[in-house]
Amino acid sequence: MSSSEIACTYACLILHDDAIPITAEKIAAVLKAANVTVESYWPNLFAKLCEKKHIEGLILNATIGGAGSGSVPVAAADTAPATEEKKKEETKEEESEDEEEMFSLFDD
């Protein structure tokens, strides 16, 4: 990722955090205030991306996926805690089944 892309990403996050509509002009203004120079096409590209994508979803995808995992749909991100709870329940059930089998060895 180039420094221009990183700068525009941070500008978009700043605007989103302050609940300011993300436009090419606003991105350029944030970059100018930070004294960062980027090629003129970057703010437009990032503004178009932010129009089409939900920023919250992008943020969740970045934190859930981790390095090299690819993209995770937002729906999967919303159900992650439920999946973890289900795995815990399955593990508990498996443990109790294992214990029952062990004790059944001595029942004969």
C-alpha atoms as a PDB file:
ATOM      1  CA  MET A   1       0.000   0.000   0.000  1.00  0.00           C
ATOM      2  CA  SER A   2       1.423   3.358  -0.966  1.00  0.00           C
ATOM      3  CA  SER A   3       1.734   6.306   1.369  1.00  0.00           C
ATOM      4  CA  SER A   4      -0.933   8.122  -0.660  1.00  0.00           C
ATOM      5  CA  GLU A   5      -3.392   5.296  -0.082  1.00  0.00           C
ATOM      6  CA  ILE A   6      -2.608   5.210   3.619  1.00  0.00           C
ATOM      7  CA  ALA A   7      -3.035   8.977   3.918  1.00  0.00           C
ATOM      8  CA  CYS A   8      -6.410   8.841   2.157  1.00  0.00           C
ATOM      9  CA  THR A   9      -7.490   5.918   4.332  1.00  0.00           C
ATOM     10  CA  TYR A  10      -6.712   7.879   7.481  1.00  0.00           C
ATOM     11  CA  ALA A  11      -8.493  10.928   6.079  1.00  0.00           C
ATOM     12  CA  CYS A  12     -11.614   8.828   5.422  1.00  0.00           C
ATOM     13  CA  LEU A  13     -11.485   7.377   8.923  1.00  0.00           C
ATOM     14  CA  ILE A  14     -11.138  10.846  10.441  1.00  0.00           C
ATOM     15  CA  LEU A  15     -14.125  12.122   8.467  1.00  0.00           C
ATOM     16  CA  HIS A  16     -16.180   9.056   9.362  1.00  0.00           C
ATOM     17  CA  ASP A  17     -15.280   9.355  13.048  1.00  0.00           C
ATOM     18  CA  ASP A  18     -16.471  12.959  13.056  1.00  0.00           C
ATOM     19  CA  ALA A  19     -19.666  12.002  11.157  1.00  0.00           C
ATOM     20  CA  ILE A  20     -18.705  14.242   8.232  1.00  0.00           C
ATOM     21  CA  PRO A  21     -19.811  13.126   4.761  1.00  0.00           C
ATOM     22  CA  ILE A  22     -16.847  11.621   2.936  1.00  0.00           C
ATOM     23  CA  THR A  23     -16.283  13.494  -0.306  1.00  0.00           C
ATOM     24  CA  ALA A  24     -13.205  14.068  -2.444  1.00  0.00           C
ATOM     25  CA  GLU A  25     -13.153  17.700  -1.324  1.00  0.00           C
ATOM     26  CA  LYS A  26     -13.300  16.782   2.374  1.00  0.00           C
ATOM     27  CA  ILE A  27     -10.562  14.164   1.963  1.00  0.00           C
ATOM     28  CA  ALA A  28      -8.392  16.717   0.172  1.00  0.00           C
ATOM     29  CA  ALA A  29      -9.051  19.263   2.932  1.00  0.00           C
ATOM     30  CA  VAL A  30      -7.977  16.805   5.654  1.00  0.00           C
ATOM     31  CA  LEU A  31      -4.833  15.932   3.707  1.00  0.00           C
ATOM     32  CA  LYS A  32      -4.032  19.604   3.164  1.00  0.00           C
ATOM     33  CA  ALA A  33      -4.509  20.337   6.873  1.00  0.00           C
ATOM     34  CA  ALA A  34      -2.123  17.473   7.647  1.00  0.00           C
ATOM     35  CA  ASN A  35       0.351  18.877   5.114  1.00  0.00           C
ATOM     36  CA  VAL A  36       0.250  15.646   3.095  1.00  0.00           C
ATOM     37  CA  THR A  37       0.557  15.703  -0.676  1.00  0.00           C
ATOM     38  CA  VAL A  38      -1.027  12.958  -2.772  1.00  0.00           C
ATOM     39  CA  GLU A  39      -1.784  12.550  -6.445  1.00  0.00           C
ATOM     40  CA  SER A  40      -5.012  14.340  -7.331  1.00  0.00           C
ATOM     41  CA  TYR A  41      -6.897  11.160  -8.254  1.00  0.00           C
ATOM     42  CA  TRP A  42      -6.621   9.470  -4.841  1.00  0.00           C
ATOM     43  CA  PRO A  43      -9.262  11.552  -2.996  1.00  0.00           C
ATOM     44  CA  ASN A  44     -11.765  10.894  -5.804  1.00  0.00           C
ATOM     45  CA  LEU A  45     -11.116   7.150  -5.742  1.00  0.00           C
ATOM     46  CA  PHE A  46     -11.520   6.951  -1.986  1.00  0.00           C
ATOM     47  CA  ALA A  47     -14.661   9.099  -2.040  1.00  0.00           C
ATOM     48  CA  LYS A  48     -16.227   6.767  -4.608  1.00  0.00           C
ATOM     49  CA  LEU A  49     -15.230   3.732  -2.550  1.00  0.00           C
ATOM     50  CA  CYS A  50     -16.814   5.228   0.555  1.00  0.00           C
ATOM     51  CA  GLU A  51     -20.031   5.933  -1.367  1.00  0.00           C
ATOM     52  CA  LYS A  52     -20.354   2.275  -2.323  1.00  0.00           C
ATOM     53  CA  LYS A  53     -19.124   0.630   0.878  1.00  0.00           C
ATOM     54  CA  HIS A  54     -20.370   0.943   4.420  1.00  0.00           C
ATOM     55  CA  ILE A  55     -17.391   2.204   6.449  1.00  0.00           C
ATOM     56  CA  GLU A  56     -18.424   0.315   9.609  1.00  0.00           C
ATOM     57  CA  GLY A  57     -18.409  -2.900   7.594  1.00  0.00           C
ATOM     58  CA  LEU A  58     -14.946  -2.192   6.237  1.00  0.00           C
ATOM     59  CA  ILE A  59     -13.635  -1.533   9.728  1.00  0.00           C
ATOM     60  CA  LEU A  60     -15.168  -4.747  11.074  1.00  0.00           C
ATOM     61  CA  ASN A  61     -13.769  -6.752   8.187  1.00  0.00           C
ATOM     62  CA  ALA A  62     -10.286  -5.433   8.844  1.00  0.00           C
ATOM     63  CA  THR A  63     -10.392  -6.420  12.497  1.00  0.00           C
ATOM     64  CA  ILE A  64     -11.993  -9.829  12.101  1.00  0.00           C
ATOM     65  CA  GLY A  65     -10.077 -11.148   9.131  1.00  0.00           C
ATOM     66  CA  GLY A  66      -6.546 -10.720  10.363  1.00  0.00           C
ATOM     67  CA  ALA A  67      -3.546 -10.970   8.088  1.00  0.00           C
ATOM     68  CA  GLY A  68      -3.976 -12.925   4.893  1.00  0.00           C
ATOM     69  CA  SER A  69      -7.448 -14.223   5.581  1.00  0.00           C
ATOM     70  CA  GLY A  70      -9.171 -12.443   2.715  1.00  0.00           C
ATOM     71  CA  SER A  71     -12.410 -10.580   3.002  1.00  0.00           C
ATOM     72  CA  VAL A  72     -15.124 -11.563   5.438  1.00  0.00           C
ATOM     73  CA  PRO A  73     -18.711 -10.603   4.648  1.00  0.00           C
ATOM     74  CA  VAL A  74     -20.269  -8.143   7.069  1.00  0.00           C
ATOM     75  CA  ALA A  75     -22.990 -10.663   7.894  1.00  0.00           C
ATOM     76  CA  ALA A  76     -20.326 -13.057   9.114  1.00  0.00           C
ATOM     77  CA  ALA A  77     -18.805 -10.294  11.207  1.00  0.00           C
ATOM     78  CA  ASP A  78     -22.159  -9.695  12.894  1.00  0.00           C
ATOM     79  CA  THR A  79     -22.538 -13.367  13.835  1.00  0.00           C
ATOM     80  CA  ALA A  80     -19.003 -13.962  15.083  1.00  0.00           C
ATOM     81  CA  PRO A  81     -19.878 -13.767  18.806  1.00  0.00           C
ATOM     82  CA  ALA A  82     -22.781 -16.195  18.362  1.00  0.00           C
ATOM     83  CA  THR A  83     -20.501 -18.628  16.544  1.00  0.00           C
ATOM     84  CA  GLU A  84     -17.957 -18.487  19.362  1.00  0.00           C
ATOM     85  CA  GLU A  85     -20.676 -19.213  21.940  1.00  0.00           C
ATOM     86  CA  LYS A  86     -21.912 -22.142  19.862  1.00  0.00           C
ATOM     87  CA  LYS A  87     -18.383 -23.574  19.661  1.00  0.00           C
ATOM     88  CA  LYS A  88     -18.044 -23.301  23.452  1.00  0.00           C
ATOM     89  CA  GLU A  89     -21.333 -25.150  23.936  1.00  0.00           C
ATOM     90  CA  GLU A  90     -20.270 -27.892  21.499  1.00  0.00           C
ATOM     91  CA  THR A  91     -16.961 -28.273  23.316  1.00  0.00           C
ATOM     92  CA  LYS A  92     -18.767 -28.663  26.655  1.00  0.00           C
ATOM     93  CA  GLU A  93     -21.091 -31.272  25.151  1.00  0.00           C
ATOM     94  CA  GLU A  94     -18.153 -33.199  23.691  1.00  0.00           C
ATOM     95  CA  GLU A  95     -16.373 -33.141  27.051  1.00  0.00           C
ATOM     96  CA  SER A  96     -19.423 -34.473  28.871  1.00  0.00           C
ATOM     97  CA  GLU A  97     -19.823 -37.258  26.277  1.00  0.00           C
ATOM     98  CA  ASP A  98     -16.163 -38.206  26.729  1.00  0.00           C
ATOM     99  CA  GLU A  99     -16.619 -38.343  30.500  1.00  0.00           C
ATOM    100  CA  GLU A 100     -19.691 -40.556  30.124  1.00  0.00           C
ATOM    101  CA  GLU A 101     -17.759 -42.952  27.894  1.00  0.00           C
ATOM    102  CA  MET A 102     -14.896 -43.144  30.384  1.00  0.00           C
ATOM    103  CA  PHE A 103     -17.224 -43.966  33.265  1.00  0.00           C
ATOM    104  CA  SER A 104     -19.145 -46.507  31.196  1.00  0.00           C
ATOM    105  CA  LEU A 105     -15.957 -48.565  30.906  1.00  0.00           C
ATOM    106  CA  PHE A 106     -16.226 -49.334  34.612  1.00  0.00           C
ATOM    107  CA  ASP A 107     -19.968 -50.094  34.573  1.00  0.00           C
ATOM    108  CA  ASP A 108     -19.694 -53.631  33.131  1.00  0.00           C
END
